[in-house]
Amino acid sequence: MDEIVVIDLFGEEFRFKPDGQVKNPEQIAQYLKKYITEAEKLFQSKASGKNKIAILLLAAMNLSKDFHELKLQHSELEKEVDSRISSLIKKIDTGIEKNEKCLL
C-alpha cells in the first residue's frame, strides 16, 4: 500500500511516505505531534513568541531521551531474560543428569 501520511505542524502540512515496515504511520505522526505540543507549552509563556526551531529541538531531545531510556530498559530486560533462561537450562540439564543416573 502506498500510503501518504499528512501531519500538521505549526500550521503547515507535511507529507511523508513510510516504508513498508512501519505498522501505524498515523500513530507515529500523532506521537511526534504530542512531543511538539508539549514543547510548545513550555514556550507559550515567553514574550518573544514561538521559536519553531527551539520547539522542534526540545521535542527531538525529549524523544531522544525517552528512546534512550527505553533502549536501556530493553537491554536490562534482555540480560535478565538471558540469565533466567541460562538458569532454567542448568536446572533442566541437572534434572536430565539425575534422571539418567537413576536409569543406570
N, C-alpha and C. Protein backbone atom coordinates (compact mmCIF):
# COMPACT_ATOMS: atom_id res chain seq x y z
N MET A 1 0.82 -1.18 0.00
CA MET A 1 0.00 0.00 0.00
C MET A 1 0.88 1.25 0.00
N ASP A 2 0.61 2.16 -0.90
CA ASP A 2 1.37 3.41 -0.98
C ASP A 2 0.64 4.50 -0.21
N GLU A 3 0.75 4.43 1.10
CA GLU A 3 0.03 5.36 1.96
C GLU A 3 0.88 6.60 2.20
N ILE A 4 0.26 7.75 2.05
CA ILE A 4 0.90 9.02 2.35
C ILE A 4 0.31 9.53 3.67
N VAL A 5 1.17 9.85 4.61
CA VAL A 5 0.72 10.35 5.91
C VAL A 5 0.93 11.86 5.92
N VAL A 6 -0.10 12.56 6.39
CA VAL A 6 -0.05 14.02 6.48
C VAL A 6 -0.05 14.40 7.95
N ILE A 7 0.87 15.28 8.31
CA ILE A 7 0.93 15.79 9.68
C ILE A 7 0.99 17.31 9.62
N ASP A 8 0.20 17.95 10.47
CA ASP A 8 0.17 19.41 10.52
C ASP A 8 1.05 19.86 11.68
N LEU A 9 2.07 20.65 11.35
CA LEU A 9 2.98 21.20 12.36
C LEU A 9 3.10 22.70 12.14
N PHE A 10 2.80 23.47 13.16
CA PHE A 10 2.91 24.92 13.09
C PHE A 10 2.07 25.52 11.97
N GLY A 11 0.93 24.90 11.69
CA GLY A 11 0.04 25.41 10.65
C GLY A 11 0.44 25.02 9.24
N GLU A 12 1.43 24.18 9.10
CA GLU A 12 1.86 23.73 7.78
C GLU A 12 1.69 22.22 7.69
N GLU A 13 1.29 21.76 6.51
CA GLU A 13 1.13 20.32 6.31
C GLU A 13 2.44 19.72 5.79
N PHE A 14 2.82 18.63 6.38
CA PHE A 14 3.98 17.88 5.93
C PHE A 14 3.51 16.49 5.55
N ARG A 15 3.99 15.99 4.44
CA ARG A 15 3.60 14.67 3.96
C ARG A 15 4.82 13.77 3.93
N PHE A 16 4.60 12.53 4.33
CA PHE A 16 5.69 11.56 4.20
C PHE A 16 5.11 10.21 3.84
N LYS A 17 5.94 9.45 3.19
CA LYS A 17 5.56 8.10 2.77
C LYS A 17 6.41 7.12 3.57
N PRO A 18 5.79 6.43 4.53
CA PRO A 18 6.55 5.49 5.35
C PRO A 18 6.96 4.26 4.55
N ASP A 19 8.06 3.65 4.97
CA ASP A 19 8.44 2.40 4.32
C ASP A 19 7.50 1.29 4.76
N GLY A 20 7.59 0.16 4.13
CA GLY A 20 6.68 -0.95 4.39
C GLY A 20 6.76 -1.54 5.78
N GLN A 21 7.81 -1.25 6.52
CA GLN A 21 7.99 -1.83 7.85
C GLN A 21 7.25 -1.06 8.94
N VAL A 22 6.76 0.12 8.64
CA VAL A 22 6.05 0.92 9.62
C VAL A 22 4.60 0.45 9.68
N LYS A 23 4.18 0.00 10.87
CA LYS A 23 2.84 -0.58 11.01
C LYS A 23 1.75 0.47 11.16
N ASN A 24 1.97 1.48 11.95
CA ASN A 24 0.95 2.51 12.22
C ASN A 24 1.53 3.90 11.99
N PRO A 25 1.70 4.30 10.74
CA PRO A 25 2.35 5.60 10.49
C PRO A 25 1.57 6.79 11.05
N GLU A 26 0.24 6.71 11.03
CA GLU A 26 -0.55 7.83 11.58
C GLU A 26 -0.31 7.96 13.08
N GLN A 27 -0.19 6.82 13.75
CA GLN A 27 0.06 6.84 15.18
C GLN A 27 1.44 7.43 15.48
N ILE A 28 2.41 7.12 14.65
CA ILE A 28 3.76 7.68 14.83
C ILE A 28 3.73 9.19 14.65
N ALA A 29 3.00 9.65 13.63
CA ALA A 29 2.88 11.10 13.40
C ALA A 29 2.21 11.78 14.59
N GLN A 30 1.18 11.16 15.15
CA GLN A 30 0.50 11.73 16.31
C GLN A 30 1.41 11.73 17.54
N TYR A 31 2.23 10.72 17.65
CA TYR A 31 3.18 10.65 18.76
C TYR A 31 4.17 11.82 18.67
N LEU A 32 4.67 12.09 17.48
CA LEU A 32 5.57 13.23 17.26
C LEU A 32 4.85 14.53 17.60
N LYS A 33 3.63 14.64 17.15
CA LYS A 33 2.85 15.86 17.39
C LYS A 33 2.66 16.09 18.89
N LYS A 34 2.47 15.01 19.65
CA LYS A 34 2.32 15.11 21.10
C LYS A 34 3.58 15.72 21.73
N TYR A 35 4.75 15.25 21.29
CA TYR A 35 6.00 15.79 21.82
C TYR A 35 6.16 17.26 21.45
N ILE A 36 5.78 17.62 20.25
CA ILE A 36 5.89 19.01 19.82
C ILE A 36 4.94 19.89 20.61
N THR A 37 3.71 19.40 20.84
CA THR A 37 2.73 20.16 21.63
C THR A 37 3.24 20.39 23.04
N GLU A 38 3.83 19.36 23.64
CA GLU A 38 4.39 19.51 24.99
C GLU A 38 5.51 20.54 25.00
N ALA A 39 6.35 20.53 23.98
CA ALA A 39 7.45 21.51 23.90
C ALA A 39 6.90 22.91 23.68
N GLU A 40 5.86 23.02 22.86
CA GLU A 40 5.25 24.34 22.59
C GLU A 40 4.73 24.98 23.88
N LYS A 41 4.15 24.16 24.75
CA LYS A 41 3.59 24.67 26.00
C LYS A 41 4.66 25.35 26.85
N LEU A 42 5.89 24.86 26.77
CA LEU A 42 6.98 25.45 27.54
C LEU A 42 7.37 26.83 27.01
N PHE A 43 7.06 27.10 25.74
CA PHE A 43 7.43 28.37 25.13
C PHE A 43 6.28 29.38 25.10
N GLN A 44 5.08 28.97 25.50
CA GLN A 44 3.93 29.88 25.44
C GLN A 44 4.09 31.06 26.37
N SER A 45 4.78 30.87 27.47
CA SER A 45 4.94 31.96 28.42
C SER A 45 6.03 32.95 28.01
N LYS A 46 6.77 32.62 27.00
CA LYS A 46 7.86 33.51 26.57
C LYS A 46 7.30 34.68 25.76
N ALA A 47 7.79 35.87 26.03
CA ALA A 47 7.31 37.08 25.36
C ALA A 47 7.70 37.11 23.89
N SER A 48 8.78 36.44 23.53
CA SER A 48 9.28 36.51 22.15
C SER A 48 8.45 35.69 21.17
N GLY A 49 7.48 34.93 21.67
CA GLY A 49 6.65 34.14 20.76
C GLY A 49 7.26 32.77 20.52
N LYS A 50 6.70 32.08 19.57
CA LYS A 50 7.12 30.71 19.30
C LYS A 50 8.35 30.68 18.40
N ASN A 51 9.33 29.97 18.83
CA ASN A 51 10.52 29.73 18.03
C ASN A 51 10.44 28.29 17.55
N LYS A 52 10.07 28.10 16.30
CA LYS A 52 9.84 26.76 15.76
C LYS A 52 11.06 25.85 15.90
N ILE A 53 12.23 26.38 15.64
CA ILE A 53 13.45 25.57 15.73
C ILE A 53 13.67 25.11 17.17
N ALA A 54 13.51 26.02 18.12
CA ALA A 54 13.71 25.67 19.53
C ALA A 54 12.69 24.64 19.98
N ILE A 55 11.45 24.80 19.54
CA ILE A 55 10.40 23.84 19.89
C ILE A 55 10.71 22.47 19.31
N LEU A 56 11.08 22.43 18.04
CA LEU A 56 11.42 21.15 17.40
C LEU A 56 12.64 20.52 18.06
N LEU A 57 13.62 21.34 18.41
CA LEU A 57 14.81 20.81 19.07
C LEU A 57 14.47 20.22 20.44
N LEU A 58 13.64 20.92 21.21
CA LEU A 58 13.23 20.41 22.52
C LEU A 58 12.44 19.12 22.37
N ALA A 59 11.53 19.07 21.40
CA ALA A 59 10.75 17.84 21.15
C ALA A 59 11.69 16.70 20.76
N ALA A 60 12.67 16.98 19.91
CA ALA A 60 13.62 15.95 19.48
C ALA A 60 14.46 15.46 20.66
N MET A 61 14.87 16.37 21.53
CA MET A 61 15.66 15.98 22.69
C MET A 61 14.83 15.11 23.64
N ASN A 62 13.57 15.48 23.84
CA ASN A 62 12.69 14.68 24.71
C ASN A 62 12.44 13.29 24.11
N LEU A 63 12.23 13.24 22.80
CA LEU A 63 12.07 11.95 22.12
C LEU A 63 13.33 11.11 22.26
N SER A 64 14.47 11.74 22.05
CA SER A 64 15.75 11.02 22.15
C SER A 64 15.98 10.49 23.56
N LYS A 65 15.65 11.30 24.56
CA LYS A 65 15.80 10.88 25.96
C LYS A 65 14.91 9.66 26.23
N ASP A 66 13.66 9.74 25.83
CA ASP A 66 12.74 8.63 26.05
C ASP A 66 13.19 7.37 25.30
N PHE A 67 13.66 7.56 24.08
CA PHE A 67 14.15 6.43 23.28
C PHE A 67 15.35 5.78 23.96
N HIS A 68 16.27 6.60 24.44
CA HIS A 68 17.47 6.10 25.12
C HIS A 68 17.09 5.32 26.38
N GLU A 69 16.17 5.87 27.17
CA GLU A 69 15.72 5.17 28.37
C GLU A 69 15.07 3.83 28.03
N LEU A 70 14.27 3.79 26.98
CA LEU A 70 13.65 2.54 26.56
C LEU A 70 14.68 1.53 26.09
N LYS A 71 15.70 2.01 25.39
CA LYS A 71 16.77 1.10 24.95
C LYS A 71 17.50 0.49 26.15
N LEU A 72 17.76 1.31 27.16
CA LEU A 72 18.41 0.81 28.37
C LEU A 72 17.54 -0.21 29.08
N GLN A 73 16.25 0.09 29.20
CA GLN A 73 15.32 -0.85 29.84
C GLN A 73 15.24 -2.15 29.05
N HIS A 74 15.23 -2.04 27.74
CA HIS A 74 15.18 -3.23 26.89
C HIS A 74 16.43 -4.07 27.07
N SER A 75 17.57 -3.41 27.13
CA SER A 75 18.84 -4.11 27.32
C SER A 75 18.88 -4.83 28.66
N GLU A 76 18.42 -4.16 29.71
CA GLU A 76 18.37 -4.78 31.03
C GLU A 76 17.42 -5.96 31.04
N LEU A 77 16.29 -5.82 30.38
CA LEU A 77 15.32 -6.91 30.30
C LEU A 77 15.91 -8.11 29.55
N GLU A 78 16.61 -7.83 28.45
CA GLU A 78 17.27 -8.91 27.70
C GLU A 78 18.27 -9.66 28.57
N LYS A 79 19.06 -8.92 29.35
CA LYS A 79 20.05 -9.56 30.24
C LYS A 79 19.35 -10.43 31.28
N GLU A 80 18.26 -9.90 31.85
CA GLU A 80 17.52 -10.66 32.86
C GLU A 80 16.92 -11.93 32.25
N VAL A 81 16.34 -11.81 31.07
CA VAL A 81 15.75 -12.98 30.39
C VAL A 81 16.84 -13.99 30.07
N ASP A 82 17.98 -13.54 29.56
CA ASP A 82 19.09 -14.45 29.26
C ASP A 82 19.55 -15.18 30.52
N SER A 83 19.65 -14.44 31.62
CA SER A 83 20.07 -15.05 32.88
C SER A 83 19.06 -16.10 33.34
N ARG A 84 17.80 -15.79 33.25
CA ARG A 84 16.77 -16.75 33.66
C ARG A 84 16.76 -17.98 32.75
N ILE A 85 16.94 -17.76 31.46
CA ILE A 85 16.99 -18.89 30.52
C ILE A 85 18.18 -19.78 30.85
N SER A 86 19.35 -19.18 31.10
CA SER A 86 20.53 -19.96 31.46
C SER A 86 20.29 -20.77 32.73
N SER A 87 19.65 -20.14 33.71
CA SER A 87 19.35 -20.82 34.96
C SER A 87 18.40 -22.00 34.72
N LEU A 88 17.40 -21.79 33.91
CA LEU A 88 16.46 -22.87 33.61
C LEU A 88 17.13 -24.01 32.84
N ILE A 89 18.01 -23.67 31.92
CA ILE A 89 18.74 -24.70 31.16
C ILE A 89 19.60 -25.54 32.10
N LYS A 90 20.27 -24.87 33.04
CA LYS A 90 21.09 -25.61 34.02
C LYS A 90 20.22 -26.54 34.84
N LYS A 91 19.07 -26.06 35.28
CA LYS A 91 18.16 -26.90 36.07
C LYS A 91 17.66 -28.09 35.25
N ILE A 92 17.34 -27.85 34.01
CA ILE A 92 16.89 -28.94 33.13
C ILE A 92 18.01 -29.96 32.94
N ASP A 93 19.23 -29.45 32.66
CA ASP A 93 20.38 -30.35 32.48
C ASP A 93 20.63 -31.18 33.73
N THR A 94 20.56 -30.54 34.89
CA THR A 94 20.76 -31.25 36.16
C THR A 94 19.69 -32.32 36.33
N GLY A 95 18.45 -31.98 36.03
CA GLY A 95 17.36 -32.94 36.13
C GLY A 95 17.54 -34.11 35.19
N ILE A 96 17.99 -33.82 33.97
CA ILE A 96 18.23 -34.90 33.00
C ILE A 96 19.35 -35.80 33.49
N GLU A 97 20.45 -35.20 34.00
CA GLU A 97 21.59 -36.00 34.51
C GLU A 97 21.15 -36.88 35.67
N LYS A 98 20.36 -36.36 36.58
CA LYS A 98 19.87 -37.13 37.72
C LYS A 98 18.96 -38.28 37.22
N ASN A 99 18.13 -37.98 36.23
CA ASN A 99 17.23 -38.99 35.69
C ASN A 99 18.02 -40.10 34.99
N GLU A 100 19.08 -39.72 34.28
CA GLU A 100 19.92 -40.72 33.59
C GLU A 100 20.64 -41.60 34.60
N LYS A 101 21.12 -41.02 35.70
CA LYS A 101 21.79 -41.82 36.73
C LYS A 101 20.84 -42.80 37.38
N CYS A 102 19.59 -42.39 37.57
CA CYS A 102 18.60 -43.29 38.18
C CYS A 102 18.27 -44.46 37.26
N LEU A 103 18.33 -44.22 35.97
CA LEU A 103 18.01 -45.28 34.99
C LEU A 103 19.15 -46.29 34.88
N LEU A 104 20.36 -45.89 35.22
CA LEU A 104 21.51 -46.81 35.12
C LEU A 104 21.54 -47.68 36.29
